[in-house]
Amino acid sequence: MSEFCPQESCGQCPPPCNCWDHLFNKYIPDSSETSVILRPISKTFINGMAASYDNTYDEILKPYIDKKEFTRIIDRLNTLLTSEFPCCACLFWTYMLSICTLGTSFACTYYVVKQAQIKLEEKIEEINKNDLISRKLHLSYNQYCSTSWLELKILNDDVINVNMNMNINSEQNELKIINKNEVNNNFENNEDEDKEDNKNYIKLEIKDK
């Protein structure tokens, strides 16, 4: 994949300047024994968001997830970002026009990038719940000082139990809310029926008189 273009060999994208990214990327932490850091592999926007992230498999993940499944998950995220991120031409002209527009050219592009970030975080939350928590893994999006990275953490049993309890409690709270709403609806329906019965009773009394 191209260093600048999230869509490989599109043939239409002028490469944005990548000269400052290596300075900001110094803030990205290194992988450790309990976490794998996935660095951006495309040009980052001013808020640090990138159009794609590294999908290199780390051997410390071997007991938890195989390479094929790991690559499939990260590629899903990169595909989502590629479809939601502004094209390279838009990014190029956003930066080129920033001087004469005093930075206002970033406004529209920033909105699109922010929406892409929201969708990325939603997809990560879904992947954690459906694919990773059972493997004792947790994926997160991190952003700092005009750069960003993905972090895949290896969880201990205590953290997993806490997450499972939180999920159970949230499901129970949803059931309580549903049951409460059902009770309220039944109560309102009963009140309406009683009112209707009272009206019919008054009508009958009037007729008898």
C-alpha atoms as a PDB file:
ATOM      1  CA  MET A   1       0.000   0.000   0.000  1.00  0.00           C
ATOM      2  CA  SER A   2       1.255   3.470  -0.791  1.00  0.00           C
ATOM      3  CA  GLU A   3       2.677   5.541   2.060  1.00  0.00           C
ATOM      4  CA  PHE A   4       0.455   8.453   1.107  1.00  0.00           C
ATOM      5  CA  CYS A   5      -2.547   7.046  -0.662  1.00  0.00           C
ATOM      6  CA  PRO A   6      -5.028   4.834   1.244  1.00  0.00           C
ATOM      7  CA  GLN A   7      -6.284   3.507  -2.082  1.00  0.00           C
ATOM      8  CA  GLU A   8      -3.422   1.588  -3.608  1.00  0.00           C
ATOM      9  CA  SER A   9      -2.478   2.533  -7.181  1.00  0.00           C
ATOM     10  CA  CYS A  10      -5.486   4.784  -7.697  1.00  0.00           C
ATOM     11  CA  GLY A  11      -3.348   6.906 -10.029  1.00  0.00           C
ATOM     12  CA  GLN A  12      -5.212  10.102  -9.150  1.00  0.00           C
ATOM     13  CA  CYS A  13      -3.733  11.234  -5.848  1.00  0.00           C
ATOM     14  CA  PRO A  14      -0.908  13.754  -5.576  1.00  0.00           C
ATOM     15  CA  PRO A  15       1.145  12.821  -2.497  1.00  0.00           C
ATOM     16  CA  PRO A  16       0.540  15.182   0.460  1.00  0.00           C
ATOM     17  CA  CYS A  17       3.623  16.367   2.319  1.00  0.00           C
ATOM     18  CA  ASN A  18       4.604  13.756   4.886  1.00  0.00           C
ATOM     19  CA  CYS A  19       7.667  15.603   6.178  1.00  0.00           C
ATOM     20  CA  TRP A  20       6.293  16.426   9.645  1.00  0.00           C
ATOM     21  CA  ASP A  21       4.676  13.095  10.463  1.00  0.00           C
ATOM     22  CA  HIS A  22       7.911  11.480  11.614  1.00  0.00           C
ATOM     23  CA  LEU A  23       8.229  14.198  14.296  1.00  0.00           C
ATOM     24  CA  PHE A  24       4.738  13.640  15.685  1.00  0.00           C
ATOM     25  CA  ASN A  25       5.064   9.854  15.393  1.00  0.00           C
ATOM     26  CA  LYS A  26       7.820   9.972  18.005  1.00  0.00           C
ATOM     27  CA  TYR A  27       5.003  10.269  20.546  1.00  0.00           C
ATOM     28  CA  ILE A  28       3.697   6.826  19.605  1.00  0.00           C
ATOM     29  CA  PRO A  29       4.681   4.266  22.260  1.00  0.00           C
ATOM     30  CA  ASP A  30       6.477   1.028  21.444  1.00  0.00           C
ATOM     31  CA  SER A  31       4.919  -2.412  21.700  1.00  0.00           C
ATOM     32  CA  SER A  32       5.426  -4.251  24.977  1.00  0.00           C
ATOM     33  CA  GLU A  33       4.864  -7.738  26.403  1.00  0.00           C
ATOM     34  CA  THR A  34       1.207  -6.945  27.075  1.00  0.00           C
ATOM     35  CA  SER A  35       0.287  -4.706  24.139  1.00  0.00           C
ATOM     36  CA  VAL A  36       0.876  -4.407  20.408  1.00  0.00           C
ATOM     37  CA  ILE A  37       1.070  -0.930  18.873  1.00  0.00           C
ATOM     38  CA  LEU A  38      -0.179  -0.501  15.295  1.00  0.00           C
ATOM     39  CA  ARG A  39       1.269   2.679  13.830  1.00  0.00           C
ATOM     40  CA  PRO A  40      -0.293   4.780  11.037  1.00  0.00           C
ATOM     41  CA  ILE A  41       0.968   3.868   7.567  1.00  0.00           C
ATOM     42  CA  SER A  42      -0.637   6.773   5.703  1.00  0.00           C
ATOM     43  CA  LYS A  43      -0.509  10.550   5.995  1.00  0.00           C
ATOM     44  CA  THR A  44      -2.106  11.710   9.244  1.00  0.00           C
ATOM     45  CA  PHE A  45      -4.525  14.644   9.275  1.00  0.00           C
ATOM     46  CA  ILE A  46      -4.003  17.637  11.589  1.00  0.00           C
ATOM     47  CA  ASN A  47      -5.970  15.922  14.366  1.00  0.00           C
ATOM     48  CA  GLY A  48      -3.769  12.806  14.084  1.00  0.00           C
ATOM     49  CA  MET A  49      -6.246  10.567  12.277  1.00  0.00           C
ATOM     50  CA  ALA A  50      -4.806   8.312   9.566  1.00  0.00           C
ATOM     51  CA  ALA A  51      -6.480   6.535   6.661  1.00  0.00           C
ATOM     52  CA  SER A  52      -4.822   3.198   7.448  1.00  0.00           C
ATOM     53  CA  TYR A  53      -2.852   1.438  10.177  1.00  0.00           C
ATOM     54  CA  ASP A  54      -0.168  -1.216  10.223  1.00  0.00           C
ATOM     55  CA  ASN A  55      -1.427  -4.820  10.151  1.00  0.00           C
ATOM     56  CA  THR A  56       1.908  -6.489  10.964  1.00  0.00           C
ATOM     57  CA  TYR A  57       1.356  -9.529  13.165  1.00  0.00           C
ATOM     58  CA  ASP A  58       3.299  -9.737  16.445  1.00  0.00           C
ATOM     59  CA  GLU A  59       4.293 -13.161  17.760  1.00  0.00           C
ATOM     60  CA  ILE A  60       3.203 -12.299  21.325  1.00  0.00           C
ATOM     61  CA  LEU A  61      -0.392 -12.577  20.036  1.00  0.00           C
ATOM     62  CA  LYS A  62       0.077 -16.190  18.962  1.00  0.00           C
ATOM     63  CA  PRO A  63      -1.532 -17.754  22.094  1.00  0.00           C
ATOM     64  CA  TYR A  64      -4.588 -15.518  21.679  1.00  0.00           C
ATOM     65  CA  ILE A  65      -5.287 -14.981  17.986  1.00  0.00           C
ATOM     66  CA  ASP A  66      -3.810 -16.376  14.784  1.00  0.00           C
ATOM     67  CA  LYS A  67      -2.268 -14.242  12.075  1.00  0.00           C
ATOM     68  CA  LYS A  68      -5.100 -14.744   9.584  1.00  0.00           C
ATOM     69  CA  GLU A  69      -7.803 -13.596  12.009  1.00  0.00           C
ATOM     70  CA  PHE A  70      -5.692 -10.663  13.219  1.00  0.00           C
ATOM     71  CA  THR A  71      -5.063  -9.483   9.654  1.00  0.00           C
ATOM     72  CA  ARG A  72      -8.744  -9.872   8.803  1.00  0.00           C
ATOM     73  CA  ILE A  73      -9.779  -7.637  11.726  1.00  0.00           C
ATOM     74  CA  ILE A  74      -7.270  -4.858  11.006  1.00  0.00           C
ATOM     75  CA  ASP A  75      -8.039  -4.978   7.277  1.00  0.00           C
ATOM     76  CA  ARG A  76     -11.735  -4.506   8.099  1.00  0.00           C
ATOM     77  CA  LEU A  77     -10.847  -1.321   9.965  1.00  0.00           C
ATOM     78  CA  ASN A  78      -8.552  -0.091   7.185  1.00  0.00           C
ATOM     79  CA  THR A  79     -11.251  -0.768   4.595  1.00  0.00           C
ATOM     80  CA  LEU A  80     -13.740   1.238   6.656  1.00  0.00           C
ATOM     81  CA  LEU A  81     -11.305   4.141   6.974  1.00  0.00           C
ATOM     82  CA  THR A  82     -10.437   4.077   3.281  1.00  0.00           C
ATOM     83  CA  SER A  83     -14.100   4.383   2.339  1.00  0.00           C
ATOM     84  CA  GLU A  84     -14.816   7.169   4.865  1.00  0.00           C
ATOM     85  CA  PHE A  85     -11.579   9.191   4.727  1.00  0.00           C
ATOM     86  CA  PRO A  86     -11.264  12.173   2.331  1.00  0.00           C
ATOM     87  CA  CYS A  87      -9.428  11.355  -0.893  1.00  0.00           C
ATOM     88  CA  CYS A  88      -5.800  12.378  -1.307  1.00  0.00           C
ATOM     89  CA  ALA A  89      -6.708  15.167  -3.754  1.00  0.00           C
ATOM     90  CA  CYS A  90      -9.002  16.724  -1.117  1.00  0.00           C
ATOM     91  CA  LEU A  91      -6.268  16.489   1.505  1.00  0.00           C
ATOM     92  CA  PHE A  92      -3.702  17.951  -0.893  1.00  0.00           C
ATOM     93  CA  TRP A  93      -5.794  21.022  -1.720  1.00  0.00           C
ATOM     94  CA  THR A  94      -6.865  21.411   1.916  1.00  0.00           C
ATOM     95  CA  TYR A  95      -3.221  21.842   2.911  1.00  0.00           C
ATOM     96  CA  MET A  96      -2.315  23.941  -0.140  1.00  0.00           C
ATOM     97  CA  LEU A  97      -5.192  26.396   0.446  1.00  0.00           C
ATOM     98  CA  SER A  98      -4.671  26.595   4.207  1.00  0.00           C
ATOM     99  CA  ILE A  99      -2.239  29.518   3.886  1.00  0.00           C
ATOM    100  CA  CYS A 100      -4.417  31.819   1.788  1.00  0.00           C
ATOM    101  CA  THR A 101      -7.569  30.830   3.740  1.00  0.00           C
ATOM    102  CA  LEU A 102      -5.834  31.207   7.131  1.00  0.00           C
ATOM    103  CA  GLY A 103      -6.597  27.582   7.962  1.00  0.00           C
ATOM    104  CA  THR A 104     -10.335  27.670   7.255  1.00  0.00           C
ATOM    105  CA  SER A 105      -9.863  25.148   4.423  1.00  0.00           C
ATOM    106  CA  PHE A 106      -9.417  22.506   7.130  1.00  0.00           C
ATOM    107  CA  ALA A 107     -12.991  22.959   8.423  1.00  0.00           C
ATOM    108  CA  CYS A 108     -14.938  20.833   5.936  1.00  0.00           C
ATOM    109  CA  THR A 109     -12.221  18.189   5.692  1.00  0.00           C
ATOM    110  CA  TYR A 110     -12.000  17.987   9.479  1.00  0.00           C
ATOM    111  CA  TYR A 111     -15.735  17.236   9.699  1.00  0.00           C
ATOM    112  CA  VAL A 112     -15.347  14.300   7.290  1.00  0.00           C
ATOM    113  CA  VAL A 113     -12.303  12.989   9.171  1.00  0.00           C
ATOM    114  CA  LYS A 114     -14.121  13.290  12.493  1.00  0.00           C
ATOM    115  CA  GLN A 115     -17.048  11.258  11.156  1.00  0.00           C
ATOM    116  CA  ALA A 116     -14.578   8.607  10.000  1.00  0.00           C
ATOM    117  CA  GLN A 117     -13.103   8.534  13.506  1.00  0.00           C
ATOM    118  CA  ILE A 118     -16.536   8.080  15.084  1.00  0.00           C
ATOM    119  CA  LYS A 119     -17.329   5.164  12.774  1.00  0.00           C
ATOM    120  CA  LEU A 120     -13.908   3.637  13.479  1.00  0.00           C
ATOM    121  CA  GLU A 121     -14.471   3.757  17.242  1.00  0.00           C
ATOM    122  CA  GLU A 122     -17.934   2.242  16.852  1.00  0.00           C
ATOM    123  CA  LYS A 123     -16.520  -0.596  14.728  1.00  0.00           C
ATOM    124  CA  ILE A 124     -13.722  -1.191  17.271  1.00  0.00           C
ATOM    125  CA  GLU A 125     -16.284  -1.435  20.064  1.00  0.00           C
ATOM    126  CA  GLU A 126     -18.239  -3.979  18.020  1.00  0.00           C
ATOM    127  CA  ILE A 127     -15.086  -6.025  17.285  1.00  0.00           C
ATOM    128  CA  ASN A 128     -14.093  -6.021  20.957  1.00  0.00           C
ATOM    129  CA  LYS A 129     -17.489  -7.331  21.971  1.00  0.00           C
ATOM    130  CA  ASN A 130     -17.889  -9.963  19.250  1.00  0.00           C
ATOM    131  CA  ASP A 131     -14.348 -11.094  18.423  1.00  0.00           C
ATOM    132  CA  LEU A 132     -11.713 -10.070  20.959  1.00  0.00           C
ATOM    133  CA  ILE A 133     -13.009 -10.172  24.536  1.00  0.00           C
ATOM    134  CA  SER A 134     -13.380 -13.953  24.341  1.00  0.00           C
ATOM    135  CA  ARG A 135      -9.718 -14.114  23.269  1.00  0.00           C
ATOM    136  CA  LYS A 136      -8.585 -11.972  26.222  1.00  0.00           C
ATOM    137  CA  LEU A 137      -7.772  -9.067  23.911  1.00  0.00           C
ATOM    138  CA  HIS A 138      -8.908  -5.452  23.739  1.00  0.00           C
ATOM    139  CA  LEU A 139      -8.410  -3.051  20.820  1.00  0.00           C
ATOM    140  CA  SER A 140      -8.449   0.729  21.223  1.00  0.00           C
ATOM    141  CA  TYR A 141      -7.924   3.852  19.114  1.00  0.00           C
ATOM    142  CA  ASN A 142      -5.507   6.382  20.639  1.00  0.00           C
ATOM    143  CA  GLN A 143      -4.837   9.944  19.526  1.00  0.00           C
ATOM    144  CA  TYR A 144      -2.217  12.388  20.793  1.00  0.00           C
ATOM    145  CA  CYS A 145      -0.278  15.413  19.500  1.00  0.00           C
ATOM    146  CA  SER A 146      -1.322  15.221  15.821  1.00  0.00           C
ATOM    147  CA  THR A 147      -0.766  11.495  15.537  1.00  0.00           C
ATOM    148  CA  SER A 148      -2.663   8.312  16.399  1.00  0.00           C
ATOM    149  CA  TRP A 149      -2.281   4.567  16.722  1.00  0.00           C
ATOM    150  CA  LEU A 150      -4.200   1.381  17.445  1.00  0.00           C
ATOM    151  CA  GLU A 151      -3.341  -0.585  20.573  1.00  0.00           C
ATOM    152  CA  LEU A 152      -4.169  -4.256  21.041  1.00  0.00           C
ATOM    153  CA  LYS A 153      -3.891  -5.152  24.735  1.00  0.00           C
ATOM    154  CA  ILE A 154      -3.670  -8.580  26.312  1.00  0.00           C
ATOM    155  CA  LEU A 155      -6.132  -8.621  29.205  1.00  0.00           C
ATOM    156  CA  ASN A 156      -5.790 -10.401  32.509  1.00  0.00           C
ATOM    157  CA  ASP A 157      -8.652 -12.388  34.020  1.00  0.00           C
ATOM    158  CA  ASP A 158      -9.669  -9.618  36.437  1.00  0.00           C
ATOM    159  CA  VAL A 159     -10.245  -7.133  33.626  1.00  0.00           C
ATOM    160  CA  ILE A 160     -12.204  -9.707  31.624  1.00  0.00           C
ATOM    161  CA  ASN A 161     -14.462 -10.465  34.606  1.00  0.00           C
ATOM    162  CA  VAL A 162     -15.102  -6.749  35.147  1.00  0.00           C
ATOM    163  CA  ASN A 163     -16.018  -6.268  31.470  1.00  0.00           C
ATOM    164  CA  MET A 164     -18.317  -9.287  31.505  1.00  0.00           C
ATOM    165  CA  ASN A 165     -20.033  -8.062  34.683  1.00  0.00           C
ATOM    166  CA  MET A 166     -20.484  -4.615  33.150  1.00  0.00           C
ATOM    167  CA  ASN A 167     -22.074  -6.168  30.052  1.00  0.00           C
ATOM    168  CA  ILE A 168     -24.389  -8.311  32.215  1.00  0.00           C
ATOM    169  CA  ASN A 169     -25.388  -5.314  34.338  1.00  0.00           C
ATOM    170  CA  SER A 170     -26.093  -3.178  31.274  1.00  0.00           C
ATOM    171  CA  GLU A 171     -28.259  -5.947  29.783  1.00  0.00           C
ATOM    172  CA  GLN A 172     -30.130  -6.296  33.088  1.00  0.00           C
ATOM    173  CA  ASN A 173     -30.679  -2.535  33.233  1.00  0.00           C
ATOM    174  CA  GLU A 174     -32.052  -2.605  29.680  1.00  0.00           C
ATOM    175  CA  LEU A 175     -34.454  -5.399  30.685  1.00  0.00           C
ATOM    176  CA  LYS A 176     -35.552  -3.396  33.751  1.00  0.00           C
ATOM    177  CA  ILE A 177     -36.237  -0.355  31.583  1.00  0.00           C
ATOM    178  CA  ILE A 178     -38.205  -2.472  29.102  1.00  0.00           C
ATOM    179  CA  ASN A 179     -40.239  -4.095  31.896  1.00  0.00           C
ATOM    180  CA  LYS A 180     -40.882  -0.724  33.516  1.00  0.00           C
ATOM    181  CA  ASN A 181     -42.110   0.678  30.211  1.00  0.00           C
ATOM    182  CA  GLU A 182     -44.386  -2.334  29.759  1.00  0.00           C
ATOM    183  CA  VAL A 183     -45.848  -1.825  33.251  1.00  0.00           C
ATOM    184  CA  ASN A 184     -46.414   1.869  32.567  1.00  0.00           C
ATOM    185  CA  ASN A 185     -48.077   1.106  29.246  1.00  0.00           C
ATOM    186  CA  ASN A 186     -50.330  -1.506  30.859  1.00  0.00           C
ATOM    187  CA  PHE A 187     -51.236   0.931  33.629  1.00  0.00           C
ATOM    188  CA  GLU A 188     -52.093   3.642  31.101  1.00  0.00           C
ATOM    189  CA  ASN A 189     -54.185   1.173  29.083  1.00  0.00           C
ATOM    190  CA  ASN A 190     -56.060   0.109  32.220  1.00  0.00           C
ATOM    191  CA  GLU A 191     -56.717   3.746  33.111  1.00  0.00           C
ATOM    192  CA  ASP A 192     -58.107   4.387  29.633  1.00  0.00           C
ATOM    193  CA  GLU A 193     -60.351   1.322  29.902  1.00  0.00           C
ATOM    194  CA  ASP A 194     -61.636   2.439  33.312  1.00  0.00           C
ATOM    195  CA  LYS A 195     -62.415   5.896  31.957  1.00  0.00           C
ATOM    196  CA  GLU A 196     -64.286   4.375  29.037  1.00  0.00           C
ATOM    197  CA  ASP A 197     -66.272   2.111  31.357  1.00  0.00           C
ATOM    198  CA  ASN A 198     -67.196   5.097  33.556  1.00  0.00           C
ATOM    199  CA  LYS A 199     -68.403   7.018  30.507  1.00  0.00           C
ATOM    200  CA  ASN A 200     -70.582   4.085  29.420  1.00  0.00           C
ATOM    201  CA  TYR A 201     -71.967   3.729  32.978  1.00  0.00           C
ATOM    202  CA  ILE A 202     -72.923   7.443  33.105  1.00  0.00           C
ATOM    203  CA  LYS A 203     -74.639   7.144  29.722  1.00  0.00           C
ATOM    204  CA  LEU A 204     -76.677   4.192  30.943  1.00  0.00           C
ATOM    205  CA  GLU A 205     -77.725   6.106  34.092  1.00  0.00           C
ATOM    206  CA  ILE A 206     -78.872   9.074  32.003  1.00  0.00           C
ATOM    207  CA  LYS A 207     -80.916   6.805  29.756  1.00  0.00           C
ATOM    208  CA  ASP A 208     -82.593   5.111  32.745  1.00  0.00           C
ATOM    209  CA  LYS A 209     -83.642   8.461  34.152  1.00  0.00           C
END
